[in-house]
């Protein structure tokens, strides 16, 4: 009986640890990173808040989801992404952020993402792309 309880306890701890790492809110950056790396403004825009701030190379706009999608589409057309890697993540719900390095169109960029957790999901509130 004791060994069954120990085994059960071990499984519960392992499961909690596993889901705590893979199911945490930081994982929101995994699909977002994939869409930035592939330059897919359509799929990336699914993660946009209804209104968000886009700071693209110093040109700051508070815009709708549709406008932000178009701005990113034009950026990805001009600078075709080669790679994107998250270098730093921080924060906790309801606001988290990540900083990543984007190599696109022969240039290097720093991308900063601020994501807000709401009852209906995680949404990018601010997206900043700066030349390094």
Protein backbone atom coordinates (compact mmCIF):
# COMPACT_ATOMS: atom_id res chain seq x y z
CA UNK A 1 0.00 0.00 0.00
CA UNK A 2 2.82 2.36 0.92
CA UNK A 3 4.59 1.82 -2.41
CA UNK A 4 1.31 2.49 -4.26
CA UNK A 5 0.91 5.78 -2.38
CA UNK A 6 4.52 6.76 -3.12
CA UNK A 7 4.05 5.89 -6.80
CA UNK A 8 0.81 7.84 -6.94
CA UNK A 9 2.42 10.83 -5.23
CA UNK A 10 5.36 10.68 -7.67
CA UNK A 11 2.99 10.63 -10.64
CA UNK A 12 1.02 13.60 -9.27
CA UNK A 13 4.20 15.62 -8.70
CA UNK A 14 5.58 14.69 -12.14
CA UNK A 15 2.32 15.58 -13.86
CA UNK A 16 2.04 18.86 -12.00
CA UNK A 17 5.63 19.76 -12.88
CA UNK A 18 5.16 18.72 -16.51
CA UNK A 19 1.95 20.67 -17.00
CA UNK A 20 3.31 23.55 -14.99
CA UNK A 21 6.16 23.90 -17.47
CA UNK A 22 4.44 23.10 -20.74
CA UNK A 23 1.03 24.52 -19.93
CA UNK A 24 2.15 27.84 -18.49
CA UNK A 25 1.31 31.19 -19.95
CA UNK A 26 4.86 31.70 -21.26
CA UNK A 27 4.09 29.11 -23.95
CA UNK A 28 2.07 31.75 -25.78
CA UNK A 29 5.39 32.85 -27.30
CA UNK A 30 5.97 29.51 -29.03
CA UNK A 31 3.31 29.92 -31.76
CA UNK A 32 3.88 33.68 -31.96
CA UNK A 33 7.59 33.03 -32.60
CA UNK A 34 6.76 30.49 -35.29
CA UNK A 35 4.61 33.01 -37.17
CA UNK A 36 7.21 35.77 -36.90
CA UNK A 37 9.91 33.43 -38.19
CA UNK A 38 7.76 32.37 -41.13
CA UNK A 39 6.65 35.97 -41.82
CA UNK A 40 3.00 34.93 -41.61
CA UNK A 41 1.17 38.16 -40.73
CA UNK A 42 -2.20 36.43 -41.22
CA UNK A 43 -1.62 33.80 -38.52
CA UNK A 44 0.29 36.24 -36.31
CA UNK A 45 -2.66 38.66 -36.39
CA UNK A 46 -4.86 36.06 -34.67
CA UNK A 47 -2.84 36.87 -31.54
CA UNK A 48 -3.36 40.66 -31.84
CA UNK A 49 -5.60 42.53 -29.42
CA UNK A 50 -8.49 44.42 -31.06
CA UNK A 51 -6.35 47.55 -30.75
CA UNK A 52 -2.62 47.42 -30.21
CA UNK A 53 0.50 49.53 -30.39
CA UNK A 54 2.87 48.74 -33.23
CA UNK A 55 6.29 50.41 -33.09
CA UNK A 56 7.96 49.56 -36.36
CA UNK A 57 11.45 51.03 -36.72
CA UNK A 58 10.46 54.05 -34.61
CA UNK A 59 7.14 54.67 -36.37
CA UNK A 60 4.59 54.21 -33.56
CA UNK A 61 0.94 53.53 -34.33
CA UNK A 62 -2.00 52.58 -32.15
CA UNK A 63 -4.05 50.66 -34.64
CA UNK A 64 -6.71 48.05 -35.18
CA UNK A 65 -5.95 44.37 -35.60
CA UNK A 66 -6.50 44.68 -39.37
CA UNK A 67 -4.19 47.70 -39.68
CA UNK A 68 -1.48 45.98 -37.64
CA UNK A 69 -1.76 42.90 -39.86
CA UNK A 70 -1.21 45.06 -42.96
CA UNK A 71 1.76 46.88 -41.37
CA UNK A 72 3.41 43.56 -40.52
CA UNK A 73 2.63 42.12 -43.95
CA UNK A 74 4.44 45.05 -45.58
CA UNK A 75 7.37 44.68 -43.18
CA UNK A 76 7.69 40.93 -43.87
CA UNK A 77 7.51 41.61 -47.62
CA UNK A 78 10.38 44.12 -47.37
CA UNK A 79 12.35 42.07 -44.81
CA UNK A 80 11.83 38.35 -45.43
CA UNK A 81 12.46 36.55 -42.11
CA UNK A 82 15.27 34.01 -41.98
CA UNK A 83 15.22 33.26 -38.25
CA UNK A 84 13.60 34.39 -35.02
CA UNK A 85 14.65 33.34 -31.54
CA UNK A 86 13.23 34.45 -28.19
CA UNK A 87 16.19 35.62 -26.10
CA UNK A 88 14.33 36.66 -22.95
CA UNK A 89 10.90 36.14 -21.36
CA UNK A 90 9.49 37.67 -18.22
CA UNK A 91 6.36 38.75 -16.41
CA UNK A 92 3.35 36.79 -15.33
CA UNK A 93 -0.35 36.97 -16.04
CA UNK A 94 -1.97 39.26 -16.83
CA UNK A 95 1.06 40.87 -18.58
CA UNK A 96 4.14 39.10 -19.90
CA UNK A 97 6.75 40.07 -22.41
CA UNK A 98 9.44 38.58 -24.55
CA UNK A 99 12.40 39.96 -26.44
CA UNK A 100 13.62 38.16 -29.52
CA UNK A 101 16.20 38.45 -32.25
CA UNK A 102 14.97 38.53 -35.82
CA UNK A 103 17.20 38.07 -38.82
CA UNK A 104 15.31 39.29 -41.89
CA UNK A 105 16.20 40.71 -45.28
CA UNK A 106 19.91 40.67 -44.44
CA UNK A 107 19.33 42.82 -41.34
CA UNK A 108 19.13 42.17 -37.60
CA UNK A 109 16.18 43.35 -35.51
CA UNK A 110 15.15 43.24 -31.87
CA UNK A 111 11.49 42.34 -31.41
CA UNK A 112 9.67 43.10 -28.16
CA UNK A 113 6.26 41.58 -27.52
CA UNK A 114 3.88 42.49 -24.69
CA UNK A 115 1.10 39.95 -24.25
CA UNK A 116 -1.92 40.40 -22.01
CA UNK A 117 -3.80 37.40 -20.61
CA UNK A 118 -7.57 37.85 -20.52
CA UNK A 119 -10.44 35.47 -19.87
CA UNK A 120 -10.85 34.89 -23.61
CA UNK A 121 -7.15 34.30 -24.35
CA UNK A 122 -3.72 35.84 -24.74
CA UNK A 123 -3.35 38.89 -26.95
CA UNK A 124 -0.43 40.98 -28.18
CA UNK A 125 -0.93 44.50 -26.78
CA UNK A 126 2.33 45.92 -28.09
CA UNK A 127 4.75 44.83 -30.80
CA UNK A 128 8.03 46.68 -31.25
CA UNK A 129 10.59 45.99 -33.98
CA UNK A 130 13.89 47.89 -33.83
CA UNK A 131 17.06 47.61 -35.90
CA UNK A 132 20.01 46.38 -33.90
